[in-house]
Amino acid sequence: MKHKKILRYVTLSLLLAIAIVLNYLESFIPSIGIPGVKLGLANIVILICLYKYKVYEALMVDLLRVLLANLLKGTFLSIAFYMSLSGAMLSFLVMFLFRYIKTLKPLVISVIGAIFHAVGQIVVALIIMQTSGILLYLPFIMLASIITGILNGIVCERIIATNLFEILEENKQDE
């Protein structure tokens, strides 16, 4: 039993590390025409965690990813940090709620999460910048969110379909 817990925490730690690396590497990819728009590759890891782990574990991976990635990039407690945190938390909450609708596939949940990530960021931008002009970006950001949500959802579904997590479970039973 003790080994199972250790393996579980090691796996979650590796997923956190992957999410941080993806987030960090993504910061080197230039925006695709819309300032601040990124691919959201780390969200693939968060969605996998929502499907394969307990909710509080997935939430911890998401929170730690935001905190550690922003520390690594030197943006901790900056506007970028608060926008990232708000987007991540709103996205997580909505994905968590929709995750339990059995007819929705990870691809759909990914798109919903991407949209609400953008909504969370827009809300913080509205509060901080105190200008409604930011809403002019909304249609473009929503379109980008749908596209990246689809791409990330496809990757997530393929990773889940590999049965990697079931293989890990089988290896735990062999010990």
N, C-alpha and C. Protein backbone atom coordinates (compact mmCIF):
# COMPACT_ATOMS: atom_id res chain seq x y z
N MET A 1 0.83 -1.20 0.00
CA MET A 1 0.00 0.00 0.00
C MET A 1 0.88 1.26 0.00
N LYS A 2 1.94 1.22 0.78
CA LYS A 2 2.82 2.37 0.86
C LYS A 2 3.49 2.65 -0.48
N HIS A 3 3.86 1.57 -1.18
CA HIS A 3 4.50 1.72 -2.49
C HIS A 3 3.55 2.33 -3.51
N LYS A 4 2.28 1.98 -3.41
CA LYS A 4 1.29 2.53 -4.35
C LYS A 4 1.16 4.04 -4.18
N LYS A 5 1.16 4.49 -2.93
CA LYS A 5 1.08 5.93 -2.67
C LYS A 5 2.33 6.64 -3.18
N ILE A 6 3.47 6.06 -2.93
CA ILE A 6 4.72 6.67 -3.39
C ILE A 6 4.73 6.76 -4.91
N LEU A 7 4.36 5.67 -5.58
CA LEU A 7 4.32 5.67 -7.04
C LEU A 7 3.32 6.70 -7.56
N ARG A 8 2.21 6.82 -6.87
CA ARG A 8 1.19 7.80 -7.27
C ARG A 8 1.76 9.22 -7.18
N TYR A 9 2.44 9.53 -6.07
CA TYR A 9 3.02 10.86 -5.90
C TYR A 9 4.16 11.12 -6.87
N VAL A 10 4.93 10.09 -7.16
CA VAL A 10 6.01 10.23 -8.14
C VAL A 10 5.41 10.52 -9.51
N THR A 11 4.36 9.81 -9.88
CA THR A 11 3.71 10.03 -11.17
C THR A 11 3.12 11.44 -11.24
N LEU A 12 2.46 11.87 -10.17
CA LEU A 12 1.90 13.23 -10.14
C LEU A 12 3.01 14.28 -10.22
N SER A 13 4.13 14.01 -9.56
CA SER A 13 5.26 14.93 -9.62
C SER A 13 5.83 15.02 -11.04
N LEU A 14 5.90 13.89 -11.71
CA LEU A 14 6.37 13.88 -13.10
C LEU A 14 5.40 14.64 -14.01
N LEU A 15 4.11 14.46 -13.79
CA LEU A 15 3.12 15.20 -14.57
C LEU A 15 3.25 16.70 -14.31
N LEU A 16 3.49 17.08 -13.06
CA LEU A 16 3.70 18.49 -12.73
C LEU A 16 4.94 19.01 -13.45
N ALA A 17 6.00 18.24 -13.42
CA ALA A 17 7.24 18.66 -14.11
C ALA A 17 7.00 18.83 -15.60
N ILE A 18 6.27 17.90 -16.20
CA ILE A 18 5.95 18.01 -17.63
C ILE A 18 5.14 19.27 -17.90
N ALA A 19 4.15 19.54 -17.06
CA ALA A 19 3.31 20.74 -17.23
C ALA A 19 4.15 22.01 -17.12
N ILE A 20 5.07 22.06 -16.17
CA ILE A 20 5.92 23.23 -15.99
C ILE A 20 6.83 23.42 -17.21
N VAL A 21 7.42 22.33 -17.68
CA VAL A 21 8.30 22.41 -18.85
C VAL A 21 7.52 22.86 -20.07
N LEU A 22 6.34 22.30 -20.29
CA LEU A 22 5.52 22.72 -21.43
C LEU A 22 5.16 24.20 -21.34
N ASN A 23 4.79 24.63 -20.13
CA ASN A 23 4.44 26.03 -19.92
C ASN A 23 5.64 26.93 -20.20
N TYR A 24 6.79 26.53 -19.71
CA TYR A 24 8.00 27.33 -19.89
C TYR A 24 8.42 27.38 -21.36
N LEU A 25 8.44 26.23 -22.01
CA LEU A 25 8.83 26.18 -23.43
C LEU A 25 7.87 26.99 -24.30
N GLU A 26 6.61 26.97 -23.93
CA GLU A 26 5.60 27.71 -24.67
C GLU A 26 5.85 29.22 -24.64
N SER A 27 6.51 29.68 -23.60
CA SER A 27 6.79 31.12 -23.50
C SER A 27 7.78 31.58 -24.57
N PHE A 28 8.46 30.63 -25.20
CA PHE A 28 9.40 30.98 -26.27
C PHE A 28 8.75 30.98 -27.66
N ILE A 29 7.52 30.50 -27.72
CA ILE A 29 6.80 30.47 -28.99
C ILE A 29 6.09 31.81 -29.15
N PRO A 30 6.34 32.51 -30.25
CA PRO A 30 5.69 33.82 -30.42
C PRO A 30 4.17 33.68 -30.55
N SER A 31 3.46 34.71 -30.11
CA SER A 31 2.00 34.73 -30.25
C SER A 31 1.62 34.64 -31.72
N ILE A 32 0.49 34.03 -31.96
CA ILE A 32 0.03 33.83 -33.34
C ILE A 32 -0.87 34.99 -33.78
N GLY A 33 -0.34 36.19 -33.74
CA GLY A 33 -1.08 37.35 -34.21
C GLY A 33 -1.91 38.07 -33.17
N ILE A 34 -2.24 37.39 -32.08
CA ILE A 34 -3.05 37.99 -31.02
C ILE A 34 -2.18 38.03 -29.77
N PRO A 35 -1.92 39.23 -29.24
CA PRO A 35 -1.05 39.33 -28.06
C PRO A 35 -1.53 38.45 -26.90
N GLY A 36 -0.59 37.69 -26.36
CA GLY A 36 -0.89 36.87 -25.19
C GLY A 36 -1.48 35.51 -25.48
N VAL A 37 -1.85 35.23 -26.70
CA VAL A 37 -2.45 33.94 -27.03
C VAL A 37 -1.35 32.88 -27.12
N LYS A 38 -1.54 31.82 -26.36
CA LYS A 38 -0.59 30.70 -26.35
C LYS A 38 -1.34 29.41 -26.64
N LEU A 39 -0.59 28.34 -26.86
CA LEU A 39 -1.20 27.05 -27.19
C LEU A 39 -1.85 26.37 -25.99
N GLY A 40 -1.39 26.65 -24.78
CA GLY A 40 -1.97 26.04 -23.59
C GLY A 40 -1.61 24.56 -23.45
N LEU A 41 -0.41 24.21 -23.85
CA LEU A 41 0.01 22.80 -23.84
C LEU A 41 -0.02 22.17 -22.45
N ALA A 42 0.26 22.95 -21.43
CA ALA A 42 0.24 22.42 -20.06
C ALA A 42 -1.16 21.97 -19.66
N ASN A 43 -2.17 22.50 -20.32
CA ASN A 43 -3.54 22.12 -19.99
C ASN A 43 -3.84 20.68 -20.40
N ILE A 44 -3.04 20.12 -21.30
CA ILE A 44 -3.18 18.70 -21.65
C ILE A 44 -2.93 17.87 -20.40
N VAL A 45 -1.89 18.22 -19.67
CA VAL A 45 -1.53 17.49 -18.45
C VAL A 45 -2.63 17.64 -17.40
N ILE A 46 -3.17 18.84 -17.27
CA ILE A 46 -4.22 19.07 -16.26
C ILE A 46 -5.46 18.26 -16.60
N LEU A 47 -5.82 18.21 -17.85
CA LEU A 47 -7.00 17.45 -18.26
C LEU A 47 -6.78 15.95 -18.02
N ILE A 48 -5.59 15.47 -18.32
CA ILE A 48 -5.27 14.06 -18.04
C ILE A 48 -5.40 13.79 -16.54
N CYS A 49 -4.89 14.70 -15.73
CA CYS A 49 -5.00 14.54 -14.27
C CYS A 49 -6.47 14.50 -13.83
N LEU A 50 -7.30 15.32 -14.44
CA LEU A 50 -8.73 15.31 -14.10
C LEU A 50 -9.38 13.97 -14.43
N TYR A 51 -8.90 13.32 -15.47
CA TYR A 51 -9.48 12.04 -15.87
C TYR A 51 -8.88 10.86 -15.11
N LYS A 52 -7.65 10.98 -14.65
CA LYS A 52 -6.96 9.81 -14.10
C LYS A 52 -6.66 9.89 -12.60
N TYR A 53 -6.85 11.05 -12.01
CA TYR A 53 -6.52 11.21 -10.59
C TYR A 53 -7.67 11.86 -9.84
N LYS A 54 -7.52 11.94 -8.54
CA LYS A 54 -8.53 12.58 -7.71
C LYS A 54 -8.53 14.08 -8.00
N VAL A 55 -9.68 14.69 -7.77
CA VAL A 55 -9.84 16.10 -8.08
C VAL A 55 -8.82 16.96 -7.34
N TYR A 56 -8.62 16.71 -6.05
CA TYR A 56 -7.69 17.54 -5.29
C TYR A 56 -6.25 17.36 -5.79
N GLU A 57 -5.93 16.17 -6.30
CA GLU A 57 -4.59 15.95 -6.85
C GLU A 57 -4.41 16.74 -8.15
N ALA A 58 -5.43 16.70 -9.00
CA ALA A 58 -5.37 17.46 -10.26
C ALA A 58 -5.31 18.96 -9.97
N LEU A 59 -6.06 19.40 -8.97
CA LEU A 59 -6.04 20.82 -8.59
C LEU A 59 -4.66 21.23 -8.08
N MET A 60 -4.04 20.37 -7.29
CA MET A 60 -2.70 20.68 -6.78
C MET A 60 -1.69 20.78 -7.92
N VAL A 61 -1.78 19.88 -8.89
CA VAL A 61 -0.88 19.93 -10.04
C VAL A 61 -1.08 21.25 -10.78
N ASP A 62 -2.34 21.64 -10.97
CA ASP A 62 -2.64 22.89 -11.69
C ASP A 62 -2.13 24.11 -10.92
N LEU A 63 -2.43 24.18 -9.63
CA LEU A 63 -1.97 25.32 -8.82
C LEU A 63 -0.44 25.40 -8.77
N LEU A 64 0.18 24.27 -8.51
CA LEU A 64 1.65 24.26 -8.44
C LEU A 64 2.27 24.61 -9.78
N ARG A 65 1.64 24.17 -10.86
CA ARG A 65 2.14 24.52 -12.20
C ARG A 65 2.14 26.02 -12.39
N VAL A 66 1.05 26.67 -12.04
CA VAL A 66 0.96 28.13 -12.21
C VAL A 66 2.00 28.82 -11.33
N LEU A 67 2.07 28.42 -10.07
CA LEU A 67 3.01 29.06 -9.14
C LEU A 67 4.46 28.85 -9.57
N LEU A 68 4.84 27.60 -9.83
CA LEU A 68 6.24 27.30 -10.14
C LEU A 68 6.65 27.83 -11.52
N ALA A 69 5.76 27.74 -12.50
CA ALA A 69 6.09 28.26 -13.83
C ALA A 69 6.29 29.77 -13.79
N ASN A 70 5.46 30.46 -13.02
CA ASN A 70 5.61 31.92 -12.91
C ASN A 70 6.85 32.29 -12.11
N LEU A 71 7.20 31.51 -11.11
CA LEU A 71 8.46 31.73 -10.40
C LEU A 71 9.64 31.54 -11.35
N LEU A 72 9.57 30.49 -12.14
CA LEU A 72 10.64 30.18 -13.09
C LEU A 72 10.81 31.29 -14.13
N LYS A 73 9.70 31.83 -14.60
CA LYS A 73 9.74 32.87 -15.64
C LYS A 73 9.96 34.26 -15.06
N GLY A 74 9.94 34.38 -13.74
CA GLY A 74 10.14 35.68 -13.12
C GLY A 74 8.91 36.57 -13.17
N THR A 75 7.73 35.97 -13.30
CA THR A 75 6.50 36.76 -13.40
C THR A 75 5.60 36.57 -12.18
N PHE A 76 6.12 35.96 -11.12
CA PHE A 76 5.32 35.73 -9.92
C PHE A 76 4.82 37.06 -9.36
N LEU A 77 3.53 37.11 -9.03
CA LEU A 77 2.81 38.27 -8.50
C LEU A 77 2.72 39.45 -9.49
N SER A 78 2.97 39.19 -10.76
CA SER A 78 2.80 40.22 -11.79
C SER A 78 1.39 40.09 -12.37
N ILE A 79 1.05 40.97 -13.29
CA ILE A 79 -0.24 40.89 -13.97
C ILE A 79 -0.35 39.54 -14.69
N ALA A 80 0.74 39.11 -15.32
CA ALA A 80 0.74 37.83 -16.03
C ALA A 80 0.42 36.67 -15.07
N PHE A 81 0.95 36.73 -13.86
CA PHE A 81 0.68 35.69 -12.87
C PHE A 81 -0.81 35.65 -12.52
N TYR A 82 -1.38 36.80 -12.22
CA TYR A 82 -2.80 36.83 -11.84
C TYR A 82 -3.71 36.42 -12.99
N MET A 83 -3.33 36.78 -14.20
CA MET A 83 -4.11 36.36 -15.36
C MET A 83 -4.00 34.84 -15.55
N SER A 84 -2.80 34.32 -15.38
CA SER A 84 -2.58 32.87 -15.50
C SER A 84 -3.35 32.12 -14.42
N LEU A 85 -3.26 32.60 -13.20
CA LEU A 85 -3.94 31.95 -12.08
C LEU A 85 -5.45 31.97 -12.25
N SER A 86 -5.99 33.12 -12.63
CA SER A 86 -7.45 33.21 -12.78
C SER A 86 -7.93 32.33 -13.92
N GLY A 87 -7.20 32.35 -15.03
CA GLY A 87 -7.57 31.50 -16.15
C GLY A 87 -7.51 30.02 -15.79
N ALA A 88 -6.44 29.63 -15.11
CA ALA A 88 -6.26 28.23 -14.73
C ALA A 88 -7.34 27.77 -13.76
N MET A 89 -7.66 28.58 -12.78
CA MET A 89 -8.64 28.17 -11.77
C MET A 89 -10.06 28.12 -12.33
N LEU A 90 -10.43 29.11 -13.14
CA LEU A 90 -11.77 29.09 -13.74
C LEU A 90 -11.87 27.92 -14.71
N SER A 91 -10.85 27.71 -15.50
CA SER A 91 -10.81 26.60 -16.44
C SER A 91 -10.93 25.27 -15.69
N PHE A 92 -10.17 25.13 -14.62
CA PHE A 92 -10.19 23.89 -13.84
C PHE A 92 -11.59 23.64 -13.29
N LEU A 93 -12.19 24.65 -12.72
CA LEU A 93 -13.52 24.51 -12.12
C LEU A 93 -14.54 24.04 -13.16
N VAL A 94 -14.53 24.68 -14.30
CA VAL A 94 -15.50 24.35 -15.34
C VAL A 94 -15.22 22.96 -15.93
N MET A 95 -13.94 22.64 -16.16
CA MET A 95 -13.62 21.31 -16.67
C MET A 95 -14.01 20.24 -15.67
N PHE A 96 -13.79 20.51 -14.39
CA PHE A 96 -14.18 19.56 -13.33
C PHE A 96 -15.68 19.31 -13.37
N LEU A 97 -16.46 20.37 -13.49
CA LEU A 97 -17.92 20.22 -13.51
C LEU A 97 -18.40 19.47 -14.76
N PHE A 98 -17.86 19.81 -15.90
CA PHE A 98 -18.28 19.17 -17.15
C PHE A 98 -17.70 17.76 -17.31
N ARG A 99 -16.64 17.48 -16.63
CA ARG A 99 -15.98 16.17 -16.72
C ARG A 99 -16.93 15.05 -16.34
N TYR A 100 -17.88 15.31 -15.47
CA TYR A 100 -18.76 14.27 -14.99
C TYR A 100 -20.01 14.08 -15.84
N ILE A 101 -20.09 14.80 -16.95
CA ILE A 101 -21.14 14.52 -17.93
C ILE A 101 -20.55 13.45 -18.84
N LYS A 102 -20.99 12.24 -18.67
CA LYS A 102 -20.36 11.08 -19.30
C LYS A 102 -20.34 11.15 -20.83
N THR A 103 -21.28 11.87 -21.42
CA THR A 103 -21.34 11.93 -22.89
C THR A 103 -20.30 12.87 -23.49
N LEU A 104 -19.68 13.70 -22.66
CA LEU A 104 -18.68 14.64 -23.16
C LEU A 104 -17.29 14.00 -23.17
N LYS A 105 -16.64 14.08 -24.29
CA LYS A 105 -15.30 13.51 -24.45
C LYS A 105 -14.26 14.55 -24.01
N PRO A 106 -13.03 14.08 -23.76
CA PRO A 106 -11.97 15.01 -23.37
C PRO A 106 -11.78 16.17 -24.35
N LEU A 107 -11.99 15.94 -25.64
CA LEU A 107 -11.84 17.01 -26.62
C LEU A 107 -12.81 18.15 -26.32
N VAL A 108 -14.06 17.82 -26.03
CA VAL A 108 -15.07 18.85 -25.71
C VAL A 108 -14.72 19.55 -24.41
N ILE A 109 -14.31 18.77 -23.42
CA ILE A 109 -13.92 19.35 -22.12
C ILE A 109 -12.72 20.28 -22.31
N SER A 110 -11.80 19.91 -23.17
CA SER A 110 -10.63 20.74 -23.46
C SER A 110 -11.04 22.08 -24.06
N VAL A 111 -11.96 22.05 -25.01
CA VAL A 111 -12.43 23.30 -25.63
C VAL A 111 -13.12 24.17 -24.60
N ILE A 112 -13.98 23.57 -23.79
CA ILE A 112 -14.67 24.32 -22.74
C ILE A 112 -13.65 24.93 -21.79
N GLY A 113 -12.65 24.15 -21.39
CA GLY A 113 -11.61 24.64 -20.50
C GLY A 113 -10.83 25.79 -21.11
N ALA A 114 -10.50 25.67 -22.39
CA ALA A 114 -9.74 26.74 -23.07
C ALA A 114 -10.55 28.03 -23.13
N ILE A 115 -11.83 27.91 -23.41
CA ILE A 115 -12.69 29.09 -23.47
C ILE A 115 -12.76 29.78 -22.11
N PHE A 116 -12.96 28.99 -21.07
CA PHE A 116 -13.07 29.59 -19.74
C PHE A 116 -11.73 30.08 -19.20
N HIS A 117 -10.65 29.49 -19.67
CA HIS A 117 -9.32 30.02 -19.32
C HIS A 117 -9.20 31.45 -19.85
N ALA A 118 -9.62 31.64 -21.09
CA ALA A 118 -9.58 32.98 -21.69
C ALA A 118 -10.53 33.93 -20.98
N VAL A 119 -11.70 33.46 -20.60
CA VAL A 119 -12.67 34.30 -19.88
C VAL A 119 -12.07 34.77 -18.55
N GLY A 120 -11.44 33.84 -17.82
CA GLY A 120 -10.81 34.21 -16.55
C GLY A 120 -9.74 35.27 -16.74
N GLN A 121 -8.96 35.15 -17.79
CA GLN A 121 -7.91 36.13 -18.07
C GLN A 121 -8.50 37.48 -18.47
N ILE A 122 -9.55 37.45 -19.26
CA ILE A 122 -10.19 38.71 -19.68
C ILE A 122 -10.77 39.44 -18.47
N VAL A 123 -11.38 38.70 -17.56
CA VAL A 123 -11.96 39.33 -16.36
C VAL A 123 -10.87 40.03 -15.56
N VAL A 124 -9.74 39.36 -15.36
CA VAL A 124 -8.64 39.98 -14.61
C VAL A 124 -8.10 41.19 -15.36
N ALA A 125 -7.97 41.07 -16.67
CA ALA A 125 -7.49 42.20 -17.48
C ALA A 125 -8.44 43.38 -17.36
N LEU A 126 -9.74 43.11 -17.35
CA LEU A 126 -10.73 44.19 -17.19
C LEU A 126 -10.58 44.88 -15.83
N ILE A 127 -10.37 44.08 -14.81
CA ILE A 127 -10.22 44.63 -13.45
C ILE A 127 -8.94 45.45 -13.33
N ILE A 128 -7.84 44.90 -13.82
CA ILE A 128 -6.55 45.57 -13.68
C ILE A 128 -6.44 46.80 -14.57
N MET A 129 -6.81 46.64 -15.82
CA MET A 129 -6.65 47.74 -16.79
C MET A 129 -7.79 48.75 -16.74
N GLN A 130 -8.89 48.36 -16.18
CA GLN A 130 -10.06 49.24 -16.02
C GLN A 130 -10.45 49.93 -17.33
N THR A 131 -10.47 49.13 -18.39
CA THR A 131 -10.93 49.62 -19.68
C THR A 131 -11.71 48.53 -20.39
N SER A 132 -12.82 48.90 -20.96
CA SER A 132 -13.62 47.91 -21.67
C SER A 132 -13.05 47.63 -23.06
N GLY A 133 -12.03 48.38 -23.47
CA GLY A 133 -11.40 48.16 -24.76
C GLY A 133 -10.84 46.77 -24.91
N ILE A 134 -10.53 46.13 -23.78
CA ILE A 134 -9.98 44.77 -23.81
C ILE A 134 -11.00 43.79 -24.40
N LEU A 135 -12.27 44.15 -24.33
CA LEU A 135 -13.31 43.27 -24.86
C LEU A 135 -13.26 43.15 -26.39
N LEU A 136 -12.56 44.07 -27.03
CA LEU A 136 -12.40 43.98 -28.49
C LEU A 136 -11.59 42.75 -28.88
N TYR A 137 -10.75 42.28 -27.96
CA TYR A 137 -9.96 41.07 -28.20
C TYR A 137 -10.79 39.79 -28.05
N LEU A 138 -11.91 39.90 -27.37
CA LEU A 138 -12.68 38.71 -27.00
C LEU A 138 -13.00 37.77 -28.17
N PRO A 139 -13.54 38.24 -29.29
CA PRO A 139 -13.85 37.29 -30.38
C PRO A 139 -12.60 36.56 -30.90
N PHE A 140 -11.50 37.26 -30.98
CA PHE A 140 -10.26 36.65 -31.48
C PHE A 140 -9.70 35.65 -30.48
N ILE A 141 -9.77 36.01 -29.22
CA ILE A 141 -9.27 35.13 -28.17
C ILE A 141 -10.16 33.88 -28.07
N MET A 142 -11.46 34.05 -28.23
CA MET A 142 -12.37 32.90 -28.19
C MET A 142 -12.10 31.95 -29.36
N LEU A 143 -11.89 32.49 -30.53
CA LEU A 143 -11.58 31.66 -31.69
C LEU A 143 -10.27 30.90 -31.47
N ALA A 144 -9.27 31.60 -30.99
CA ALA A 144 -7.99 30.95 -30.70
C ALA A 144 -8.16 29.88 -29.62
N SER A 145 -8.99 30.15 -28.62
CA SER A 145 -9.24 29.17 -27.55
C SER A 145 -9.89 27.91 -28.09
N ILE A 146 -10.83 28.08 -29.00
CA ILE A 146 -11.50 26.92 -29.58
C ILE A 146 -10.49 26.08 -30.37
N ILE A 147 -9.67 26.74 -31.15
CA ILE A 147 -8.67 26.01 -31.97
C ILE A 147 -7.67 25.28 -31.08
N THR A 148 -7.10 25.99 -30.10
CA THR A 148 -6.11 25.34 -29.22
C THR A 148 -6.77 24.28 -28.35
N GLY A 149 -8.01 24.53 -27.94
CA GLY A 149 -8.75 23.52 -27.16
C GLY A 149 -8.96 22.24 -27.94
N ILE A 150 -9.25 22.37 -29.23
CA ILE A 150 -9.42 21.19 -30.09
C ILE A 150 -8.10 20.43 -30.22
N LEU A 151 -7.03 21.17 -30.51
CA LEU A 151 -5.72 20.52 -30.67
C LEU A 151 -5.28 19.82 -29.38
N ASN A 152 -5.40 20.51 -28.26
CA ASN A 152 -5.01 19.92 -26.98
C ASN A 152 -5.92 18.75 -26.62
N GLY A 153 -7.20 18.86 -26.94
CA GLY A 153 -8.15 17.77 -26.67
C GLY A 153 -7.82 16.52 -27.46
N ILE A 154 -7.41 16.69 -28.71
CA ILE A 154 -7.01 15.55 -29.54
C ILE A 154 -5.79 14.85 -28.92
N VAL A 155 -4.81 15.64 -28.52
CA VAL A 155 -3.61 15.07 -27.88
C VAL A 155 -3.99 14.35 -26.59
N CYS A 156 -4.83 14.97 -25.79
CA CYS A 156 -5.26 14.37 -24.52
C CYS A 156 -5.97 13.04 -24.76
N GLU A 157 -6.89 13.02 -25.72
CA GLU A 157 -7.62 11.78 -26.01
C GLU A 157 -6.67 10.68 -26.46
N ARG A 158 -5.68 11.04 -27.25
CA ARG A 158 -4.72 10.03 -27.73
C ARG A 158 -3.87 9.49 -26.59
N ILE A 159 -3.48 10.37 -25.68
CA ILE A 159 -2.67 9.92 -24.53
C ILE A 159 -3.50 9.00 -23.64
N ILE A 160 -4.74 9.38 -23.39
CA ILE A 160 -5.61 8.54 -22.56
C ILE A 160 -5.86 7.20 -23.24
N ALA A 161 -6.01 7.20 -24.56
CA ALA A 161 -6.27 5.97 -25.31
C ALA A 161 -5.07 5.01 -25.33
N THR A 162 -3.88 5.51 -25.03
CA THR A 162 -2.70 4.63 -25.03
C THR A 162 -2.72 3.66 -23.86
N ASN A 163 -3.60 3.87 -22.91
CA ASN A 163 -3.70 3.03 -21.71
C ASN A 163 -2.43 3.08 -20.88
N LEU A 164 -1.66 4.13 -21.01
CA LEU A 164 -0.44 4.29 -20.24
C LEU A 164 -0.71 4.18 -18.74
N PHE A 165 -1.81 4.78 -18.30
CA PHE A 165 -2.10 4.79 -16.88
C PHE A 165 -2.52 3.40 -16.39
N GLU A 166 -3.18 2.63 -17.24
CA GLU A 166 -3.54 1.26 -16.90
C GLU A 166 -2.28 0.40 -16.82
N ILE A 167 -1.32 0.65 -17.72
CA ILE A 167 -0.05 -0.09 -17.68
C ILE A 167 0.68 0.19 -16.37
N LEU A 168 0.67 1.46 -15.93
CA LEU A 168 1.30 1.80 -14.65
C LEU A 168 0.61 1.07 -13.50
N GLU A 169 -0.73 1.01 -13.56
CA GLU A 169 -1.49 0.32 -12.51
C GLU A 169 -1.11 -1.17 -12.49
N GLU A 170 -0.99 -1.80 -13.68
CA GLU A 170 -0.62 -3.21 -13.76
C GLU A 170 0.78 -3.42 -13.17
N ASN A 171 1.71 -2.51 -13.45
CA ASN A 171 3.05 -2.63 -12.92
C ASN A 171 3.06 -2.52 -11.41
N LYS A 172 2.17 -1.71 -10.86
CA LYS A 172 2.08 -1.58 -9.41
C LYS A 172 1.62 -2.91 -8.79
N GLN A 173 0.71 -3.61 -9.47
CA GLN A 173 0.19 -4.87 -8.93
C GLN A 173 1.23 -5.97 -9.02
N ASP A 174 2.13 -5.89 -9.99
CA ASP A 174 3.17 -6.91 -10.16
C ASP A 174 4.19 -6.88 -9.05
N GLU A 175 4.35 -5.75 -8.39
CA GLU A 175 5.39 -5.59 -7.36
C GLU A 175 5.06 -6.34 -6.09
